[in-house]
Amino acid sequence: MVDSDSRPQLGQIVQIKRGRDAGQYGIIIKLFDDRYVLIADGDKRKYDRPKKKNLQHLQCIDYVSSEVQSSLIETGRVTNGKLRFALAKYLNDILELKKGDKFNGERRCN
């Protein structure tokens, strides 16, 4: 996990706030400077053709994929399958939390 006020990290999951892809998720695969990063999702945006995004147009999520981060640090690359897996794992975890919070584990009968 990462503090949301801290600097973005490799392998951190972000949600796109602006542009054509608004509402979609991606993973930071390269840091340019304090303003720009490259993101990819392994599906629409492959590792070989990432999207350069301004950090002001992204919402950094407090979740870093350790598999993606270690792969990028060790080899300088990551597979598209690993990116898809990391995003799916995060989204499934979040959806499970939201489902549990919404009904609090109780059934409603009207």
PDB file of N, CA and C in Angstrom:
ATOM      1  N   MET A   1       0.826  -1.178   0.000  1.00  0.00           N
ATOM      2  CA  MET A   1       0.000   0.000   0.000  1.00  0.00           C
ATOM      3  C   MET A   1       0.877   1.250   0.000  1.00  0.00           C
ATOM      4  N   VAL A   2       0.322   2.332  -0.509  1.00  0.00           N
ATOM      5  CA  VAL A   2       1.065   3.574  -0.650  1.00  0.00           C
ATOM      6  C   VAL A   2       0.242   4.706  -0.081  1.00  0.00           C
ATOM      7  N   ASP A   3       0.908   5.682   0.490  1.00  0.00           N
ATOM      8  CA  ASP A   3       0.218   6.878   0.969  1.00  0.00           C
ATOM      9  C   ASP A   3      -0.151   7.736  -0.226  1.00  0.00           C
ATOM     10  N   SER A   4      -1.381   8.206  -0.306  1.00  0.00           N
ATOM     11  CA  SER A   4      -1.861   8.932  -1.483  1.00  0.00           C
ATOM     12  C   SER A   4      -1.158  10.274  -1.679  1.00  0.00           C
ATOM     13  N   ASP A   5      -0.586  10.844  -0.608  1.00  0.00           N
ATOM     14  CA  ASP A   5       0.103  12.119  -0.734  1.00  0.00           C
ATOM     15  C   ASP A   5       1.542  11.951  -1.212  1.00  0.00           C
ATOM     16  N   SER A   6       2.042  10.725  -1.222  1.00  0.00           N
ATOM     17  CA  SER A   6       3.429  10.495  -1.602  1.00  0.00           C
ATOM     18  C   SER A   6       3.577  10.482  -3.126  1.00  0.00           C
ATOM     19  N   ARG A   7       4.804  10.414  -3.551  1.00  0.00           N
ATOM     20  CA  ARG A   7       5.151  10.390  -4.955  1.00  0.00           C
ATOM     21  C   ARG A   7       4.665   9.089  -5.602  1.00  0.00           C
ATOM     22  N   PRO A   8       4.187   9.140  -6.843  1.00  0.00           N
ATOM     23  CA  PRO A   8       3.742   7.915  -7.517  1.00  0.00           C
ATOM     24  C   PRO A   8       4.895   6.928  -7.684  1.00  0.00           C
ATOM     25  N   GLN A   9       4.562   5.639  -7.726  1.00  0.00           N
ATOM     26  CA  GLN A   9       5.565   4.593  -7.807  1.00  0.00           C
ATOM     27  C   GLN A   9       5.302   3.681  -8.990  1.00  0.00           C
ATOM     28  N   LEU A  10       6.354   2.972  -9.416  1.00  0.00           N
ATOM     29  CA  LEU A  10       6.186   1.945 -10.437  1.00  0.00           C
ATOM     30  C   LEU A  10       5.243   0.882  -9.901  1.00  0.00           C
ATOM     31  N   GLY A  11       4.335   0.418 -10.742  1.00  0.00           N
ATOM     32  CA  GLY A  11       3.403  -0.621 -10.330  1.00  0.00           C
ATOM     33  C   GLY A  11       2.175  -0.116  -9.606  1.00  0.00           C
ATOM     34  N   GLN A  12       2.070   1.195  -9.405  1.00  0.00           N
ATOM     35  CA  GLN A  12       0.908   1.751  -8.706  1.00  0.00           C
ATOM     36  C   GLN A  12      -0.286   1.824  -9.648  1.00  0.00           C
ATOM     37  N   ILE A  13      -1.441   1.471  -9.138  1.00  0.00           N
ATOM     38  CA  ILE A  13      -2.667   1.512  -9.926  1.00  0.00           C
ATOM     39  C   ILE A  13      -3.244   2.917  -9.865  1.00  0.00           C
ATOM     40  N   VAL A  14      -3.707   3.400 -11.023  1.00  0.00           N
ATOM     41  CA  VAL A  14      -4.294   4.734 -11.125  1.00  0.00           C
ATOM     42  C   VAL A  14      -5.625   4.644 -11.857  1.00  0.00           C
ATOM     43  N   GLN A  15      -6.495   5.595 -11.571  1.00  0.00           N
ATOM     44  CA  GLN A  15      -7.746   5.731 -12.314  1.00  0.00           C
ATOM     45  C   GLN A  15      -7.655   7.009 -13.127  1.00  0.00           C
ATOM     46  N   ILE A  16      -8.024   6.921 -14.393  1.00  0.00           N
ATOM     47  CA  ILE A  16      -7.944   8.063 -15.294  1.00  0.00           C
ATOM     48  C   ILE A  16      -9.153   8.962 -15.051  1.00  0.00           C
ATOM     49  N   LYS A  17      -8.893  10.255 -14.804  1.00  0.00           N
ATOM     50  CA  LYS A  17      -9.967  11.215 -14.517  1.00  0.00           C
ATOM     51  C   LYS A  17     -10.346  12.045 -15.728  1.00  0.00           C
ATOM     52  N   ARG A  18      -9.429  12.264 -16.667  1.00  0.00           N
ATOM     53  CA  ARG A  18      -9.678  13.141 -17.805  1.00  0.00           C
ATOM     54  C   ARG A  18      -9.352  12.433 -19.113  1.00  0.00           C
ATOM     55  N   GLY A  19     -10.023  12.856 -20.169  1.00  0.00           N
ATOM     56  CA  GLY A  19      -9.724  12.340 -21.497  1.00  0.00           C
ATOM     57  C   GLY A  19     -10.688  11.258 -21.936  1.00  0.00           C
ATOM     58  N   ARG A  20     -10.377  10.682 -23.072  1.00  0.00           N
ATOM     59  CA  ARG A  20     -11.248   9.671 -23.675  1.00  0.00           C
ATOM     60  C   ARG A  20     -11.365   8.429 -22.810  1.00  0.00           C
ATOM     61  N   ASP A  21     -10.318   8.109 -22.054  1.00  0.00           N
ATOM     62  CA  ASP A  21     -10.299   6.904 -21.237  1.00  0.00           C
ATOM     63  C   ASP A  21     -10.749   7.147 -19.799  1.00  0.00           C
ATOM     64  N   ALA A  22     -11.429   8.251 -19.542  1.00  0.00           N
ATOM     65  CA  ALA A  22     -11.847   8.600 -18.180  1.00  0.00           C
ATOM     66  C   ALA A  22     -12.643   7.458 -17.556  1.00  0.00           C
ATOM     67  N   GLY A  23     -12.328   7.166 -16.305  1.00  0.00           N
ATOM     68  CA  GLY A  23     -13.011   6.106 -15.576  1.00  0.00           C
ATOM     69  C   GLY A  23     -12.306   4.767 -15.648  1.00  0.00           C
ATOM     70  N   GLN A  24     -11.356   4.613 -16.560  1.00  0.00           N
ATOM     71  CA  GLN A  24     -10.637   3.352 -16.689  1.00  0.00           C
ATOM     72  C   GLN A  24      -9.419   3.345 -15.776  1.00  0.00           C
ATOM     73  N   TYR A  25      -8.871   2.146 -15.568  1.00  0.00           N
ATOM     74  CA  TYR A  25      -7.722   1.973 -14.697  1.00  0.00           C
ATOM     75  C   TYR A  25      -6.486   1.614 -15.506  1.00  0.00           C
ATOM     76  N   GLY A  26      -5.334   1.938 -14.947  1.00  0.00           N
ATOM     77  CA  GLY A  26      -4.059   1.589 -15.549  1.00  0.00           C
ATOM     78  C   GLY A  26      -3.014   1.424 -14.460  1.00  0.00           C
ATOM     79  N   ILE A  27      -1.805   1.038 -14.882  1.00  0.00           N
ATOM     80  CA  ILE A  27      -0.700   0.843 -13.952  1.00  0.00           C
ATOM     81  C   ILE A  27       0.475   1.685 -14.425  1.00  0.00           C
ATOM     82  N   ILE A  28       1.124   2.376 -13.504  1.00  0.00           N
ATOM     83  CA  ILE A  28       2.290   3.189 -13.843  1.00  0.00           C
ATOM     84  C   ILE A  28       3.455   2.266 -14.172  1.00  0.00           C
ATOM     85  N   ILE A  29       4.005   2.421 -15.396  1.00  0.00           N
ATOM     86  CA  ILE A  29       5.138   1.591 -15.797  1.00  0.00           C
ATOM     87  C   ILE A  29       6.422   2.389 -15.957  1.00  0.00           C
ATOM     88  N   LYS A  30       6.317   3.740 -15.967  1.00  0.00           N
ATOM     89  CA  LYS A  30       7.514   4.563 -16.042  1.00  0.00           C
ATOM     90  C   LYS A  30       7.200   5.946 -15.478  1.00  0.00           C
ATOM     91  N   LEU A  31       8.158   6.496 -14.748  1.00  0.00           N
ATOM     92  CA  LEU A  31       8.047   7.843 -14.194  1.00  0.00           C
ATOM     93  C   LEU A  31       8.945   8.758 -15.017  1.00  0.00           C
ATOM     94  N   PHE A  32       8.388   9.844 -15.568  1.00  0.00           N
ATOM     95  CA  PHE A  32       9.199  10.801 -16.318  1.00  0.00           C
ATOM     96  C   PHE A  32       9.790  11.847 -15.391  1.00  0.00           C
ATOM     97  N   ASP A  33       8.940  12.576 -14.722  1.00  0.00           N
ATOM     98  CA  ASP A  33       9.362  13.627 -13.803  1.00  0.00           C
ATOM     99  C   ASP A  33       8.246  13.806 -12.783  1.00  0.00           C
ATOM    100  N   ASP A  34       8.176  14.953 -12.162  1.00  0.00           N
ATOM    101  CA  ASP A  34       7.144  15.186 -11.157  1.00  0.00           C
ATOM    102  C   ASP A  34       5.763  15.374 -11.773  1.00  0.00           C
ATOM    103  N   ARG A  35       5.693  15.449 -13.103  1.00  0.00           N
ATOM    104  CA  ARG A  35       4.435  15.771 -13.759  1.00  0.00           C
ATOM    105  C   ARG A  35       3.860  14.653 -14.626  1.00  0.00           C
ATOM    106  N   TYR A  36       4.701  13.870 -15.300  1.00  0.00           N
ATOM    107  CA  TYR A  36       4.222  12.887 -16.266  1.00  0.00           C
ATOM    108  C   TYR A  36       4.649  11.460 -15.924  1.00  0.00           C
ATOM    109  N   VAL A  37       3.782  10.517 -16.295  1.00  0.00           N
ATOM    110  CA  VAL A  37       4.071   9.090 -16.157  1.00  0.00           C
ATOM    111  C   VAL A  37       3.580   8.366 -17.409  1.00  0.00           C
ATOM    112  N   LEU A  38       4.043   7.145 -17.591  1.00  0.00           N
ATOM    113  CA  LEU A  38       3.511   6.270 -18.637  1.00  0.00           C
ATOM    114  C   LEU A  38       2.643   5.231 -17.951  1.00  0.00           C
ATOM    115  N   ILE A  39       1.450   5.005 -18.513  1.00  0.00           N
ATOM    116  CA  ILE A  39       0.565   3.981 -17.950  1.00  0.00           C
ATOM    117  C   ILE A  39       0.186   2.983 -19.041  1.00  0.00           C
ATOM    118  N   ALA A  40      -0.098   1.759 -18.597  1.00  0.00           N
ATOM    119  CA  ALA A  40      -0.552   0.695 -19.485  1.00  0.00           C
ATOM    120  C   ALA A  40      -1.503  -0.189 -18.697  1.00  0.00           C
ATOM    121  N   ASP A  41      -2.353  -0.914 -19.419  1.00  0.00           N
ATOM    122  CA  ASP A  41      -3.268  -1.834 -18.743  1.00  0.00           C
ATOM    123  C   ASP A  41      -3.118  -3.271 -19.233  1.00  0.00           C
ATOM    124  N   GLY A  42      -2.294  -3.491 -20.249  1.00  0.00           N
ATOM    125  CA  GLY A  42      -2.069  -4.834 -20.766  1.00  0.00           C
ATOM    126  C   GLY A  42      -3.132  -5.300 -21.734  1.00  0.00           C
ATOM    127  N   ASP A  43      -4.187  -4.519 -21.899  1.00  0.00           N
ATOM    128  CA  ASP A  43      -5.278  -4.901 -22.805  1.00  0.00           C
ATOM    129  C   ASP A  43      -5.394  -3.873 -23.924  1.00  0.00           C
ATOM    130  N   LYS A  44      -6.018  -2.753 -23.650  1.00  0.00           N
ATOM    131  CA  LYS A  44      -6.145  -1.700 -24.657  1.00  0.00           C
ATOM    132  C   LYS A  44      -4.817  -0.971 -24.843  1.00  0.00           C
ATOM    133  N   ARG A  45      -4.152  -0.704 -23.744  1.00  0.00           N
ATOM    134  CA  ARG A  45      -2.838  -0.057 -23.760  1.00  0.00           C
ATOM    135  C   ARG A  45      -1.794  -1.094 -23.371  1.00  0.00           C
ATOM    136  N   LYS A  46      -1.101  -1.610 -24.365  1.00  0.00           N
ATOM    137  CA  LYS A  46      -0.071  -2.619 -24.129  1.00  0.00           C
ATOM    138  C   LYS A  46       1.196  -1.975 -23.587  1.00  0.00           C
ATOM    139  N   TYR A  47       2.085  -2.814 -23.061  1.00  0.00           N
ATOM    140  CA  TYR A  47       3.345  -2.324 -22.523  1.00  0.00           C
ATOM    141  C   TYR A  47       4.161  -1.614 -23.604  1.00  0.00           C
ATOM    142  N   ASP A  48       4.121  -2.114 -24.828  1.00  0.00           N
ATOM    143  CA  ASP A  48       4.911  -1.539 -25.920  1.00  0.00           C
ATOM    144  C   ASP A  48       4.371  -0.197 -26.411  1.00  0.00           C
ATOM    145  N   ARG A  49       3.100   0.113 -26.140  1.00  0.00           N
ATOM    146  CA  ARG A  49       2.492   1.375 -26.567  1.00  0.00           C
ATOM    147  C   ARG A  49       1.735   2.016 -25.400  1.00  0.00           C
ATOM    148  N   PRO A  50       2.469   2.429 -24.346  1.00  0.00           N
ATOM    149  CA  PRO A  50       1.795   3.020 -23.181  1.00  0.00           C
ATOM    150  C   PRO A  50       1.304   4.432 -23.476  1.00  0.00           C
ATOM    151  N   LYS A  51       0.503   4.942 -22.571  1.00  0.00           N
ATOM    152  CA  LYS A  51      -0.053   6.286 -22.689  1.00  0.00           C
ATOM    153  C   LYS A  51       0.683   7.214 -21.734  1.00  0.00           C
ATOM    154  N   LYS A  52       1.150   8.342 -22.254  1.00  0.00           N
ATOM    155  CA  LYS A  52       1.780   9.360 -21.414  1.00  0.00           C
ATOM    156  C   LYS A  52       0.657  10.205 -20.815  1.00  0.00           C
ATOM    157  N   LYS A  53       0.634  10.292 -19.492  1.00  0.00           N
ATOM    158  CA  LYS A  53      -0.433  11.028 -18.816  1.00  0.00           C
ATOM    159  C   LYS A  53       0.143  12.005 -17.810  1.00  0.00           C
ATOM    160  N   ASN A  54      -0.529  13.151 -17.704  1.00  0.00           N
ATOM    161  CA  ASN A  54      -0.231  14.152 -16.694  1.00  0.00           C
ATOM    162  C   ASN A  54      -0.792  13.636 -15.367  1.00  0.00           C
ATOM    163  N   LEU A  55      -0.028  13.737 -14.304  1.00  0.00           N
ATOM    164  CA  LEU A  55      -0.479  13.252 -13.004  1.00  0.00           C
ATOM    165  C   LEU A  55      -1.728  13.969 -12.512  1.00  0.00           C
ATOM    166  N   GLN A  56      -1.963  15.201 -12.972  1.00  0.00           N
ATOM    167  CA  GLN A  56      -3.167  15.920 -12.572  1.00  0.00           C
ATOM    168  C   GLN A  56      -4.418  15.289 -13.175  1.00  0.00           C
ATOM    169  N   HIS A  57      -4.250  14.470 -14.202  1.00  0.00           N
ATOM    170  CA  HIS A  57      -5.383  13.816 -14.853  1.00  0.00           C
ATOM    171  C   HIS A  57      -5.600  12.401 -14.346  1.00  0.00           C
ATOM    172  N   LEU A  58      -4.871  12.034 -13.304  1.00  0.00           N
ATOM    173  CA  LEU A  58      -4.967  10.693 -12.741  1.00  0.00           C
ATOM    174  C   LEU A  58      -5.288  10.762 -11.262  1.00  0.00           C
ATOM    175  N   GLN A  59      -6.000   9.753 -10.797  1.00  0.00           N
ATOM    176  CA  GLN A  59      -6.212   9.589  -9.364  1.00  0.00           C
ATOM    177  C   GLN A  59      -5.373   8.389  -8.943  1.00  0.00           C
ATOM    178  N   CYS A  60      -4.354   8.648  -8.139  1.00  0.00           N
ATOM    179  CA  CYS A  60      -3.485   7.570  -7.679  1.00  0.00           C
ATOM    180  C   CYS A  60      -4.197   6.771  -6.594  1.00  0.00           C
ATOM    181  N   ILE A  61      -4.226   5.463  -6.779  1.00  0.00           N
ATOM    182  CA  ILE A  61      -4.877   4.556  -5.843  1.00  0.00           C
ATOM    183  C   ILE A  61      -3.823   4.073  -4.844  1.00  0.00           C
ATOM    184  N   ASP A  62      -4.228   3.855  -3.611  1.00  0.00           N
ATOM    185  CA  ASP A  62      -3.307   3.404  -2.563  1.00  0.00           C
ATOM    186  C   ASP A  62      -3.039   1.906  -2.692  1.00  0.00           C
ATOM    187  N   TYR A  63      -2.590   1.475  -3.866  1.00  0.00           N
ATOM    188  CA  TYR A  63      -2.329   0.053  -4.108  1.00  0.00           C
ATOM    189  C   TYR A  63      -1.208  -0.062  -5.125  1.00  0.00           C
ATOM    190  N   VAL A  64      -0.160  -0.802  -4.769  1.00  0.00           N
ATOM    191  CA  VAL A  64       0.961  -1.050  -5.674  1.00  0.00           C
ATOM    192  C   VAL A  64       1.046  -2.550  -5.895  1.00  0.00           C
ATOM    193  N   SER A  65       1.076  -2.966  -7.150  1.00  0.00           N
ATOM    194  CA  SER A  65       1.226  -4.378  -7.479  1.00  0.00           C
ATOM    195  C   SER A  65       2.693  -4.755  -7.318  1.00  0.00           C
ATOM    196  N   SER A  66       2.984  -5.594  -6.339  1.00  0.00           N
ATOM    197  CA  SER A  66       4.372  -5.976  -6.072  1.00  0.00           C
ATOM    198  C   SER A  66       4.952  -6.799  -7.219  1.00  0.00           C
ATOM    199  N   GLU A  67       4.117  -7.598  -7.907  1.00  0.00           N
ATOM    200  CA  GLU A  67       4.603  -8.400  -9.031  1.00  0.00           C
ATOM    201  C   GLU A  67       5.062  -7.501 -10.177  1.00  0.00           C
ATOM    202  N   VAL A  68       4.249  -6.506 -10.504  1.00  0.00           N
ATOM    203  CA  VAL A  68       4.592  -5.580 -11.588  1.00  0.00           C
ATOM    204  C   VAL A  68       5.811  -4.757 -11.204  1.00  0.00           C
ATOM    205  N   GLN A  69       5.827  -4.258  -9.982  1.00  0.00           N
ATOM    206  CA  GLN A  69       6.929  -3.426  -9.526  1.00  0.00           C
ATOM    207  C   GLN A  69       8.253  -4.194  -9.557  1.00  0.00           C
ATOM    208  N   SER A  70       8.267  -5.414  -9.043  1.00  0.00           N
ATOM    209  CA  SER A  70       9.513  -6.184  -9.022  1.00  0.00           C
ATOM    210  C   SER A  70       9.966  -6.548 -10.431  1.00  0.00           C
ATOM    211  N   SER A  71       9.029  -6.855 -11.318  1.00  0.00           N
ATOM    212  CA  SER A  71       9.385  -7.161 -12.704  1.00  0.00           C
ATOM    213  C   SER A  71      10.003  -5.961 -13.398  1.00  0.00           C
ATOM    214  N   LEU A  72       9.422  -4.782 -13.198  1.00  0.00           N
ATOM    215  CA  LEU A  72       9.962  -3.566 -13.809  1.00  0.00           C
ATOM    216  C   LEU A  72      11.345  -3.223 -13.260  1.00  0.00           C
ATOM    217  N   ILE A  73      11.558  -3.422 -11.974  1.00  0.00           N
ATOM    218  CA  ILE A  73      12.847  -3.110 -11.369  1.00  0.00           C
ATOM    219  C   ILE A  73      13.916  -4.112 -11.809  1.00  0.00           C
ATOM    220  N   GLU A  74      13.563  -5.402 -11.830  1.00  0.00           N
ATOM    221  CA  GLU A  74      14.536  -6.448 -12.152  1.00  0.00           C
ATOM    222  C   GLU A  74      14.898  -6.481 -13.635  1.00  0.00           C
ATOM    223  N   THR A  75      13.892  -6.444 -14.506  1.00  0.00           N
ATOM    224  CA  THR A  75      14.145  -6.638 -15.935  1.00  0.00           C
ATOM    225  C   THR A  75      13.922  -5.389 -16.771  1.00  0.00           C
ATOM    226  N   GLY A  76      13.242  -4.391 -16.213  1.00  0.00           N
ATOM    227  CA  GLY A  76      12.928  -3.191 -16.982  1.00  0.00           C
ATOM    228  C   GLY A  76      11.715  -3.370 -17.878  1.00  0.00           C
ATOM    229  N   ARG A  77      11.078  -4.536 -17.801  1.00  0.00           N
ATOM    230  CA  ARG A  77       9.887  -4.832 -18.605  1.00  0.00           C
ATOM    231  C   ARG A  77       8.851  -5.537 -17.742  1.00  0.00           C
ATOM    232  N   VAL A  78       7.652  -5.624 -18.283  1.00  0.00           N
ATOM    233  CA  VAL A  78       6.596  -6.400 -17.639  1.00  0.00           C
ATOM    234  C   VAL A  78       5.708  -6.944 -18.748  1.00  0.00           C
ATOM    235  N   THR A  79       5.160  -8.126 -18.554  1.00  0.00           N
ATOM    236  CA  THR A  79       4.301  -8.706 -19.589  1.00  0.00           C
ATOM    237  C   THR A  79       2.910  -8.095 -19.508  1.00  0.00           C
ATOM    238  N   ASN A  80       2.224  -8.102 -20.642  1.00  0.00           N
ATOM    239  CA  ASN A  80       0.853  -7.592 -20.678  1.00  0.00           C
ATOM    240  C   ASN A  80      -0.063  -8.462 -19.818  1.00  0.00           C
ATOM    241  N   GLY A  81       0.211  -9.742 -19.768  1.00  0.00           N
ATOM    242  CA  GLY A  81      -0.577 -10.646 -18.929  1.00  0.00           C
ATOM    243  C   GLY A  81      -0.451 -10.305 -17.453  1.00  0.00           C
ATOM    244  N   LYS A  82       0.746  -9.927 -17.033  1.00  0.00           N
ATOM    245  CA  LYS A  82       0.964  -9.553 -15.640  1.00  0.00           C
ATOM    246  C   LYS A  82       0.220  -8.258 -15.312  1.00  0.00           C
ATOM    247  N   LEU A  83       0.190  -7.321 -16.270  1.00  0.00           N
ATOM    248  CA  LEU A  83      -0.557  -6.075 -16.066  1.00  0.00           C
ATOM    249  C   LEU A  83      -2.055  -6.369 -15.947  1.00  0.00           C
ATOM    250  N   ARG A  84      -2.580  -7.210 -16.836  1.00  0.00           N
ATOM    251  CA  ARG A  84      -4.008  -7.557 -16.786  1.00  0.00           C
ATOM    252  C   ARG A  84      -4.348  -8.272 -15.479  1.00  0.00           C
ATOM    253  N   PHE A  85      -3.469  -9.188 -15.071  1.00  0.00           N
ATOM    254  CA  PHE A  85      -3.698  -9.943 -13.837  1.00  0.00           C
ATOM    255  C   PHE A  85      -3.728  -9.012 -12.622  1.00  0.00           C
ATOM    256  N   ALA A  86      -2.786  -8.075 -12.558  1.00  0.00           N
ATOM    257  CA  ALA A  86      -2.713  -7.150 -11.421  1.00  0.00           C
ATOM    258  C   ALA A  86      -3.958  -6.266 -11.347  1.00  0.00           C
ATOM    259  N   LEU A  87      -4.408  -5.772 -12.500  1.00  0.00           N
ATOM    260  CA  LEU A  87      -5.620  -4.939 -12.506  1.00  0.00           C
ATOM    261  C   LEU A  87      -6.849  -5.751 -12.125  1.00  0.00           C
ATOM    262  N   ALA A  88      -6.959  -6.965 -12.652  1.00  0.00           N
ATOM    263  CA  ALA A  88      -8.112  -7.814 -12.331  1.00  0.00           C
ATOM    264  C   ALA A  88      -8.125  -8.158 -10.849  1.00  0.00           C
ATOM    265  N   LYS A  89      -6.963  -8.447 -10.296  1.00  0.00           N
ATOM    266  CA  LYS A  89      -6.873  -8.764  -8.867  1.00  0.00           C
ATOM    267  C   LYS A  89      -7.324  -7.575  -8.032  1.00  0.00           C
ATOM    268  N   TYR A  90      -6.843  -6.388  -8.375  1.00  0.00           N
ATOM    269  CA  TYR A  90      -7.237  -5.192  -7.629  1.00  0.00           C
ATOM    270  C   TYR A  90      -8.737  -4.935  -7.756  1.00  0.00           C
ATOM    271  N   LEU A  91      -9.260  -4.981  -8.977  1.00  0.00           N
ATOM    272  CA  LEU A  91     -10.683  -4.700  -9.181  1.00  0.00           C
ATOM    273  C   LEU A  91     -11.566  -5.725  -8.496  1.00  0.00           C
ATOM    274  N   ASN A  92     -11.172  -6.998  -8.493  1.00  0.00           N
ATOM    275  CA  ASN A  92     -11.957  -8.016  -7.789  1.00  0.00           C
ATOM    276  C   ASN A  92     -11.939  -7.777  -6.290  1.00  0.00           C
ATOM    277  N   ASP A  93     -10.787  -7.389  -5.747  1.00  0.00           N
ATOM    278  CA  ASP A  93     -10.703  -7.096  -4.307  1.00  0.00           C
ATOM    279  C   ASP A  93     -11.594  -5.918  -3.947  1.00  0.00           C
ATOM    280  N   ILE A  94     -11.575  -4.880  -4.759  1.00  0.00           N
ATOM    281  CA  ILE A  94     -12.388  -3.692  -4.491  1.00  0.00           C
ATOM    282  C   ILE A  94     -13.871  -4.014  -4.616  1.00  0.00           C
ATOM    283  N   LEU A  95     -14.251  -4.767  -5.651  1.00  0.00           N
ATOM    284  CA  LEU A  95     -15.658  -5.116  -5.821  1.00  0.00           C
ATOM    285  C   LEU A  95     -16.156  -5.971  -4.661  1.00  0.00           C
ATOM    286  N   GLU A  96     -15.326  -6.879  -4.167  1.00  0.00           N
ATOM    287  CA  GLU A  96     -15.722  -7.696  -3.027  1.00  0.00           C
ATOM    288  C   GLU A  96     -15.933  -6.832  -1.789  1.00  0.00           C
ATOM    289  N   LEU A  97     -15.048  -5.861  -1.572  1.00  0.00           N
ATOM    290  CA  LEU A  97     -15.206  -4.964  -0.423  1.00  0.00           C
ATOM    291  C   LEU A  97     -16.478  -4.147  -0.541  1.00  0.00           C
ATOM    292  N   LYS A  98     -16.746  -3.637  -1.747  1.00  0.00           N
ATOM    293  CA  LYS A  98     -17.941  -2.816  -1.933  1.00  0.00           C
ATOM    294  C   LYS A  98     -19.200  -3.648  -1.742  1.00  0.00           C
ATOM    295  N   LYS A  99     -19.201  -4.879  -2.224  1.00  0.00           N
ATOM    296  CA  LYS A  99     -20.371  -5.737  -2.038  1.00  0.00           C
ATOM    297  C   LYS A  99     -20.599  -5.992  -0.552  1.00  0.00           C
ATOM    298  N   GLY A 100     -19.541  -6.296   0.176  1.00  0.00           N
ATOM    299  CA  GLY A 100     -19.660  -6.564   1.599  1.00  0.00           C
ATOM    300  C   GLY A 100     -20.099  -5.344   2.379  1.00  0.00           C
ATOM    301  N   ASP A 101     -19.616  -4.180   2.011  1.00  0.00           N
ATOM    302  CA  ASP A 101     -19.981  -2.955   2.707  1.00  0.00           C
ATOM    303  C   ASP A 101     -21.425  -2.563   2.429  1.00  0.00           C
ATOM    304  N   LYS A 102     -21.875  -2.797   1.219  1.00  0.00           N
ATOM    305  CA  LYS A 102     -23.205  -2.352   0.816  1.00  0.00           C
ATOM    306  C   LYS A 102     -24.300  -3.047   1.620  1.00  0.00           C
ATOM    307  N   PHE A 103     -24.190  -4.361   1.760  1.00  0.00           N
ATOM    308  CA  PHE A 103     -25.242  -5.105   2.441  1.00  0.00           C
ATOM    309  C   PHE A 103     -24.840  -5.552   3.840  1.00  0.00           C
ATOM    310  N   ASN A 104     -23.587  -5.348   4.200  1.00  0.00           N
ATOM    311  CA  ASN A 104     -23.103  -5.688   5.522  1.00  0.00           C
ATOM    312  C   ASN A 104     -23.343  -7.153   5.852  1.00  0.00           C
ATOM    313  N   GLY A 105     -23.343  -8.014   4.843  1.00  0.00           N
ATOM    314  CA  GLY A 105     -23.495  -9.447   5.048  1.00  0.00           C
ATOM    315  C   GLY A 105     -24.896  -9.893   5.427  1.00  0.00           C
ATOM    316  N   GLU A 106     -25.880  -9.034   5.351  1.00  0.00           N
ATOM    317  CA  GLU A 106     -27.237  -9.383   5.730  1.00  0.00           C
ATOM    318  C   GLU A 106     -28.133  -9.423   4.496  1.00  0.00           C
ATOM    319  N   ARG A 107     -29.154 -10.256   4.556  1.00  0.00           N
ATOM    320  CA  ARG A 107     -30.144 -10.317   3.474  1.00  0.00           C
ATOM    321  C   ARG A 107     -31.283  -9.382   3.799  1.00  0.00           C
ATOM    322  N   ARG A 108     -31.812  -8.804   2.736  1.00  0.00           N
ATOM    323  CA  ARG A 108     -32.965  -7.927   2.924  1.00  0.00           C
ATOM    324  C   ARG A 108     -34.212  -8.614   2.372  1.00  0.00           C
ATOM    325  N   CYS A 109     -35.234  -8.620   3.137  1.00  0.00           N
ATOM    326  CA  CYS A 109     -36.510  -9.186   2.697  1.00  0.00           C
ATOM    327  C   CYS A 109     -37.562  -8.094   2.811  1.00  0.00           C
ATOM    328  N   ASN A 110     -38.234  -7.825   1.709  1.00  0.00           N
ATOM    329  CA  ASN A 110     -39.279  -6.788   1.719  1.00  0.00           C
ATOM    330  C   ASN A 110     -40.639  -7.384   1.802  1.00  0.00           C
TER     331      ASN A 110
END
